[in-house]
C-alpha cells in the first residue's frame, strides 16, 4: 500500500562502533535540578507515523529538588521511543541525547541531572535504576 509504513518493533540499537545493543526499557524518568533556575520535565517521543512529538510540561522543579514522572502520564504511548527534555524557565532548554523504550509499569528509571545557569546548562544521565 502506498504511504503505509511497515509495522516494526524497535528492540535494539546500534552503537557508534557498529555493535548491536538491546534498547533499554524504562517506566519512569527523573530530573534533579542542580542549577540556579527552575526546570520542568517534558518528553519527546516518536509516534506511529515516525513524527517527533513533545509533551506538555511537568510541575516546577526548584534548585535541589528531584521530580520523577511516568511518561505515560504525560501522553507518551506505551512502547514508544522516548527522550527526556529539560525545560528551563526563562532559559535554554536541554534535550537528552539517549533514547529509551518506554514500557508502562517497567521498574526502570532513567535518572538525569541538570546544572549550570539558565543560558548555560548541562543535562546528563546519572544512572538507570
N, C-alpha and C. Protein backbone atom coordinates (compact mmCIF):
# COMPACT_ATOMS: atom_id res chain seq x y z
N UNK A 1 0.84 -1.19 0.00
CA UNK A 1 0.00 0.00 0.00
C UNK A 1 0.88 1.24 0.00
N UNK A 2 0.54 2.17 -0.86
CA UNK A 2 1.32 3.39 -0.92
C UNK A 2 1.07 4.25 0.32
N UNK A 3 2.16 4.72 0.92
CA UNK A 3 2.05 5.58 2.09
C UNK A 3 1.93 4.83 3.40
N UNK A 4 1.73 3.53 3.35
CA UNK A 4 1.60 2.75 4.58
C UNK A 4 2.99 2.38 5.08
N UNK A 5 3.23 2.63 6.34
CA UNK A 5 4.53 2.28 6.93
C UNK A 5 4.48 0.83 7.38
N UNK A 6 5.56 0.09 7.15
CA UNK A 6 5.59 -1.28 7.63
C UNK A 6 5.58 -1.30 9.16
N UNK A 7 4.92 -2.27 9.72
CA UNK A 7 4.87 -2.39 11.17
C UNK A 7 6.19 -2.97 11.66
N UNK A 8 6.78 -2.32 12.67
CA UNK A 8 8.02 -2.83 13.21
C UNK A 8 8.10 -2.53 14.69
N UNK A 9 8.93 -3.25 15.38
CA UNK A 9 9.15 -3.05 16.80
C UNK A 9 10.63 -2.82 17.01
N UNK A 10 10.99 -1.73 17.69
CA UNK A 10 12.37 -1.42 17.96
C UNK A 10 12.83 -2.22 19.17
N UNK A 11 13.73 -3.13 18.95
CA UNK A 11 14.20 -3.99 20.02
C UNK A 11 15.68 -3.77 20.33
N UNK A 12 16.39 -3.10 19.42
CA UNK A 12 17.81 -2.88 19.64
C UNK A 12 18.24 -1.61 18.93
N UNK A 13 19.44 -1.18 19.27
CA UNK A 13 20.05 -0.02 18.63
C UNK A 13 21.48 -0.40 18.28
N UNK A 14 22.07 0.35 17.38
CA UNK A 14 23.45 0.09 17.00
C UNK A 14 24.34 1.16 17.60
N UNK A 15 25.41 0.74 18.28
CA UNK A 15 26.33 1.68 18.91
C UNK A 15 27.20 2.34 17.86
N UNK A 16 27.98 3.33 18.27
CA UNK A 16 28.88 4.01 17.35
C UNK A 16 29.92 3.06 16.77
N UNK A 17 30.19 1.99 17.45
CA UNK A 17 31.17 1.01 16.99
C UNK A 17 30.53 -0.06 16.11
N UNK A 18 29.23 0.08 15.84
CA UNK A 18 28.55 -0.87 14.98
C UNK A 18 28.10 -2.13 15.69
N UNK A 19 28.12 -2.12 17.02
CA UNK A 19 27.70 -3.27 17.81
C UNK A 19 26.22 -3.12 18.15
N UNK A 20 25.42 -4.14 17.88
CA UNK A 20 24.01 -4.07 18.18
C UNK A 20 23.80 -4.29 19.68
N UNK A 21 23.02 -3.40 20.29
CA UNK A 21 22.75 -3.47 21.72
C UNK A 21 21.24 -3.46 21.92
N UNK A 22 20.72 -4.19 22.91
CA UNK A 22 19.28 -4.14 23.17
C UNK A 22 18.89 -2.74 23.67
N UNK A 23 17.71 -2.27 23.25
CA UNK A 23 17.21 -0.98 23.69
C UNK A 23 16.79 -1.12 25.16
N UNK A 24 17.27 -0.23 26.01
CA UNK A 24 16.97 -0.30 27.44
C UNK A 24 15.57 0.24 27.70
N UNK A 25 14.77 -0.50 28.45
CA UNK A 25 13.42 -0.08 28.77
C UNK A 25 13.37 0.61 30.12
N UNK A 26 12.45 1.58 30.21
CA UNK A 26 12.20 2.30 31.46
C UNK A 26 10.70 2.49 31.62
N UNK A 27 10.29 2.72 32.86
CA UNK A 27 8.89 3.04 33.14
C UNK A 27 8.72 4.47 33.63
N UNK A 28 9.84 5.09 34.03
CA UNK A 28 9.81 6.46 34.53
C UNK A 28 11.14 7.14 34.24
N UNK A 29 11.13 8.46 34.33
CA UNK A 29 12.36 9.25 34.24
C UNK A 29 12.33 10.28 35.36
N UNK A 30 13.51 10.58 35.88
CA UNK A 30 13.60 11.60 36.93
C UNK A 30 14.58 12.68 36.52
N UNK A 31 14.36 13.88 37.05
CA UNK A 31 15.24 15.01 36.79
C UNK A 31 15.52 15.72 38.11
N UNK A 32 16.81 15.86 38.43
CA UNK A 32 17.25 16.63 39.60
C UNK A 32 17.74 17.97 39.08
N UNK A 33 17.26 19.04 39.69
CA UNK A 33 17.68 20.38 39.31
C UNK A 33 18.80 20.84 40.25
N UNK A 34 20.01 20.90 39.71
CA UNK A 34 21.17 21.36 40.47
C UNK A 34 21.65 22.71 39.97
N UNK A 35 20.83 23.37 39.16
CA UNK A 35 21.19 24.66 38.60
C UNK A 35 20.48 25.80 39.28
N UNK A 36 20.93 27.00 39.00
CA UNK A 36 20.33 28.20 39.59
C UNK A 36 19.10 28.64 38.83
N UNK A 37 18.14 27.75 38.68
CA UNK A 37 16.92 28.03 37.92
C UNK A 37 15.85 27.02 38.29
N UNK A 38 14.67 27.21 37.74
CA UNK A 38 13.57 26.25 37.89
C UNK A 38 13.47 25.48 36.57
N UNK A 39 13.36 24.16 36.68
CA UNK A 39 13.23 23.30 35.49
C UNK A 39 11.89 22.59 35.52
N UNK A 40 11.51 22.04 34.38
CA UNK A 40 10.31 21.21 34.25
C UNK A 40 10.66 20.06 33.32
N UNK A 41 9.98 18.94 33.48
CA UNK A 41 10.19 17.78 32.60
C UNK A 41 9.23 17.84 31.43
N UNK A 42 9.76 17.55 30.24
CA UNK A 42 8.96 17.28 29.06
C UNK A 42 9.52 16.00 28.45
N UNK A 43 8.74 15.37 27.60
CA UNK A 43 9.22 14.20 26.88
C UNK A 43 9.09 14.43 25.39
N UNK A 44 10.05 13.92 24.65
CA UNK A 44 10.00 13.91 23.20
C UNK A 44 9.94 12.44 22.81
N UNK A 45 8.96 12.08 21.97
CA UNK A 45 8.83 10.69 21.56
C UNK A 45 8.53 10.60 20.07
N UNK A 46 8.71 9.43 19.53
CA UNK A 46 8.44 9.17 18.13
C UNK A 46 7.09 8.47 18.04
N UNK A 47 6.14 9.07 17.30
CA UNK A 47 4.80 8.46 17.20
C UNK A 47 4.78 7.37 16.13
N UNK A 48 3.61 6.77 15.92
CA UNK A 48 3.46 5.67 14.96
C UNK A 48 3.74 6.08 13.53
N UNK A 49 3.68 7.38 13.23
CA UNK A 49 3.95 7.87 11.88
C UNK A 49 5.41 8.30 11.71
N UNK A 50 6.23 8.06 12.76
CA UNK A 50 7.64 8.44 12.70
C UNK A 50 7.88 9.91 12.98
N UNK A 51 6.86 10.62 13.46
CA UNK A 51 6.96 12.05 13.77
C UNK A 51 7.41 12.26 15.21
N UNK A 52 8.27 13.27 15.42
CA UNK A 52 8.68 13.64 16.78
C UNK A 52 7.56 14.45 17.42
N UNK A 53 7.16 14.07 18.61
CA UNK A 53 6.11 14.76 19.36
C UNK A 53 6.69 15.19 20.71
N UNK A 54 6.26 16.34 21.20
CA UNK A 54 6.69 16.83 22.50
C UNK A 54 5.48 16.95 23.41
N UNK A 55 5.61 16.46 24.63
CA UNK A 55 4.51 16.51 25.59
C UNK A 55 4.43 17.89 26.25
N UNK A 56 3.42 18.05 27.07
CA UNK A 56 3.33 19.23 27.92
C UNK A 56 4.40 19.19 28.99
N UNK A 57 4.37 20.14 29.91
CA UNK A 57 5.41 20.26 30.94
C UNK A 57 4.90 19.76 32.29
N UNK A 58 5.84 19.22 33.09
CA UNK A 58 5.53 18.83 34.46
C UNK A 58 5.45 20.09 35.32
N UNK A 59 5.24 19.88 36.60
CA UNK A 59 5.30 20.99 37.54
C UNK A 59 6.74 21.44 37.75
N UNK A 60 6.90 22.53 38.49
CA UNK A 60 8.23 23.11 38.74
C UNK A 60 9.14 22.16 39.51
N UNK A 61 10.44 22.22 39.15
CA UNK A 61 11.49 21.51 39.90
C UNK A 61 12.50 22.58 40.31
N UNK A 62 12.40 23.08 41.55
CA UNK A 62 13.33 24.12 42.01
C UNK A 62 14.72 23.54 42.32
N UNK A 63 15.68 24.42 42.51
CA UNK A 63 17.05 24.05 42.86
C UNK A 63 17.08 23.04 44.01
N UNK A 64 17.81 21.95 43.81
CA UNK A 64 17.99 20.95 44.85
C UNK A 64 16.91 19.89 44.92
N UNK A 65 15.88 20.00 44.10
CA UNK A 65 14.80 19.02 44.16
C UNK A 65 14.80 18.10 42.94
N UNK A 66 14.16 16.94 43.11
CA UNK A 66 14.05 15.94 42.05
C UNK A 66 12.59 15.61 41.82
N UNK A 67 12.22 15.43 40.57
CA UNK A 67 10.86 15.00 40.23
C UNK A 67 10.98 13.76 39.36
N UNK A 68 10.15 12.76 39.65
CA UNK A 68 10.09 11.53 38.87
C UNK A 68 8.73 11.46 38.20
N UNK A 69 8.73 11.18 36.88
CA UNK A 69 7.49 11.21 36.11
C UNK A 69 7.40 9.96 35.24
N UNK A 70 6.19 9.42 35.15
CA UNK A 70 5.88 8.33 34.22
C UNK A 70 5.52 8.99 32.89
N UNK A 71 6.28 8.73 31.81
CA UNK A 71 5.97 9.37 30.53
C UNK A 71 4.53 9.14 30.06
N UNK A 72 3.94 7.99 30.40
CA UNK A 72 2.57 7.70 30.02
C UNK A 72 1.58 8.67 30.63
N UNK A 73 1.90 9.19 31.82
CA UNK A 73 1.03 10.17 32.48
C UNK A 73 1.02 11.51 31.75
N UNK A 74 1.98 11.69 30.83
CA UNK A 74 2.07 12.93 30.06
C UNK A 74 1.77 12.68 28.59
N UNK A 75 1.16 11.51 28.29
CA UNK A 75 0.69 11.26 26.94
C UNK A 75 1.60 10.43 26.05
N UNK A 76 2.72 9.93 26.57
CA UNK A 76 3.61 9.10 25.74
C UNK A 76 3.00 7.70 25.65
N UNK A 77 2.77 7.21 24.44
CA UNK A 77 2.19 5.87 24.28
C UNK A 77 3.15 4.76 24.72
N UNK A 78 2.59 3.72 25.30
CA UNK A 78 3.37 2.55 25.71
C UNK A 78 4.09 1.99 24.49
N UNK A 79 5.37 1.65 24.67
CA UNK A 79 6.17 1.09 23.59
C UNK A 79 6.88 2.13 22.73
N UNK A 80 6.79 3.40 23.11
CA UNK A 80 7.42 4.47 22.32
C UNK A 80 8.89 4.65 22.66
N UNK A 81 9.63 5.13 21.68
CA UNK A 81 11.00 5.57 21.87
C UNK A 81 10.91 6.96 22.46
N UNK A 82 11.53 7.19 23.64
CA UNK A 82 11.32 8.45 24.36
C UNK A 82 12.64 9.05 24.83
N UNK A 83 12.68 10.38 24.80
CA UNK A 83 13.82 11.16 25.28
C UNK A 83 13.31 12.13 26.34
N UNK A 84 14.15 12.45 27.33
CA UNK A 84 13.81 13.48 28.31
C UNK A 84 14.21 14.84 27.75
N UNK A 85 13.36 15.82 27.95
CA UNK A 85 13.67 17.21 27.62
C UNK A 85 13.54 18.01 28.90
N UNK A 86 14.60 18.74 29.25
CA UNK A 86 14.56 19.61 30.43
C UNK A 86 14.18 21.01 29.97
N UNK A 87 12.99 21.44 30.36
CA UNK A 87 12.52 22.79 30.05
C UNK A 87 13.06 23.70 31.15
N UNK A 88 13.79 24.72 30.77
CA UNK A 88 14.37 25.66 31.74
C UNK A 88 13.59 26.96 31.67
N UNK A 89 12.95 27.31 32.79
CA UNK A 89 12.14 28.52 32.85
C UNK A 89 13.03 29.74 32.62
N UNK A 90 12.66 30.57 31.66
CA UNK A 90 13.40 31.78 31.27
C UNK A 90 14.82 31.46 30.83
N UNK A 91 15.02 30.28 30.26
CA UNK A 91 16.38 29.93 29.84
C UNK A 91 16.41 29.02 28.63
N UNK A 92 17.54 28.35 28.44
CA UNK A 92 17.79 27.46 27.32
C UNK A 92 17.42 26.03 27.71
N UNK A 93 16.47 25.46 26.98
CA UNK A 93 16.06 24.08 27.24
C UNK A 93 17.19 23.14 26.83
N UNK A 94 17.15 21.91 27.35
CA UNK A 94 18.20 20.95 27.08
C UNK A 94 17.57 19.59 26.79
N UNK A 95 17.99 18.95 25.71
CA UNK A 95 17.45 17.65 25.31
C UNK A 95 18.45 16.54 25.57
N UNK A 96 17.98 15.46 26.16
CA UNK A 96 18.83 14.29 26.38
C UNK A 96 19.17 13.67 25.03
N UNK A 97 20.36 13.14 24.92
CA UNK A 97 20.79 12.53 23.66
C UNK A 97 20.47 11.04 23.60
N UNK A 98 20.21 10.43 24.74
CA UNK A 98 19.95 8.99 24.78
C UNK A 98 18.45 8.70 24.83
N UNK A 99 18.03 7.77 24.01
CA UNK A 99 16.62 7.35 23.98
C UNK A 99 16.44 6.08 24.78
N UNK A 100 15.24 5.90 25.27
CA UNK A 100 14.84 4.68 25.98
C UNK A 100 13.53 4.19 25.39
N UNK A 101 13.26 2.92 25.58
CA UNK A 101 11.99 2.34 25.17
C UNK A 101 11.06 2.39 26.38
N UNK A 102 9.96 3.15 26.25
CA UNK A 102 9.02 3.31 27.36
C UNK A 102 8.07 2.12 27.42
N UNK A 103 8.02 1.48 28.59
CA UNK A 103 7.08 0.39 28.86
C UNK A 103 6.37 0.70 30.17
N UNK A 104 5.05 0.86 30.09
CA UNK A 104 4.24 1.15 31.28
C UNK A 104 4.51 0.11 32.35
N UNK A 105 4.71 0.54 33.58
CA UNK A 105 4.94 -0.30 34.77
C UNK A 105 6.31 -0.98 34.79
N UNK A 106 7.20 -0.66 33.84
CA UNK A 106 8.56 -1.19 33.91
C UNK A 106 9.24 -0.58 35.14
N UNK A 107 10.01 -1.35 35.90
CA UNK A 107 10.64 -0.80 37.11
C UNK A 107 11.82 0.13 36.85
N UNK A 108 12.32 0.18 35.62
CA UNK A 108 13.49 1.00 35.32
C UNK A 108 13.20 2.50 35.37
N UNK A 109 14.15 3.24 35.94
CA UNK A 109 14.05 4.70 36.00
C UNK A 109 15.34 5.29 35.45
N UNK A 110 15.23 6.14 34.44
CA UNK A 110 16.38 6.87 33.92
C UNK A 110 16.49 8.16 34.72
N UNK A 111 17.61 8.32 35.42
CA UNK A 111 17.83 9.46 36.31
C UNK A 111 18.76 10.48 35.68
N UNK A 112 18.28 11.72 35.57
CA UNK A 112 19.04 12.80 34.96
C UNK A 112 19.30 13.90 35.97
N UNK A 113 20.35 14.70 35.70
CA UNK A 113 20.68 15.87 36.49
C UNK A 113 20.93 17.03 35.53
N UNK A 114 20.39 18.20 35.88
CA UNK A 114 20.68 19.41 35.11
C UNK A 114 21.33 20.41 36.04
N UNK A 115 22.40 21.05 35.56
CA UNK A 115 23.14 22.01 36.37
C UNK A 115 23.56 23.19 35.51
N UNK A 116 24.09 24.22 36.16
CA UNK A 116 24.56 25.41 35.44
C UNK A 116 23.65 26.59 35.66
N UNK A 117 23.55 27.41 34.61
CA UNK A 117 22.73 28.61 34.69
C UNK A 117 21.62 28.53 33.63
N UNK A 118 20.73 29.50 33.63
CA UNK A 118 19.60 29.46 32.70
C UNK A 118 20.04 29.36 31.25
N UNK A 119 21.09 30.06 30.88
CA UNK A 119 21.51 30.09 29.49
C UNK A 119 22.70 29.19 29.18
N UNK A 120 23.33 28.63 30.20
CA UNK A 120 24.50 27.76 30.01
C UNK A 120 24.38 26.57 30.96
N UNK A 121 23.57 25.58 30.56
CA UNK A 121 23.33 24.44 31.46
C UNK A 121 23.73 23.14 30.79
N UNK A 122 23.93 22.13 31.64
CA UNK A 122 24.32 20.79 31.18
C UNK A 122 23.33 19.78 31.72
N UNK A 123 22.88 18.88 30.84
CA UNK A 123 21.98 17.79 31.20
C UNK A 123 22.72 16.49 31.04
N UNK A 124 22.70 15.66 32.07
CA UNK A 124 23.41 14.38 31.99
C UNK A 124 22.64 13.25 32.62
N UNK A 125 22.77 12.06 32.02
CA UNK A 125 22.20 10.84 32.59
C UNK A 125 23.12 10.40 33.72
N UNK A 126 22.59 10.28 34.93
CA UNK A 126 23.43 9.90 36.07
C UNK A 126 23.37 8.41 36.34
N UNK A 127 22.21 7.78 36.07
CA UNK A 127 22.08 6.34 36.30
C UNK A 127 20.76 5.85 35.72
N UNK A 128 20.68 4.54 35.59
CA UNK A 128 19.42 3.88 35.28
C UNK A 128 19.24 2.86 36.37
N UNK A 129 18.20 3.05 37.16
CA UNK A 129 18.00 2.15 38.32
C UNK A 129 16.72 1.34 38.18
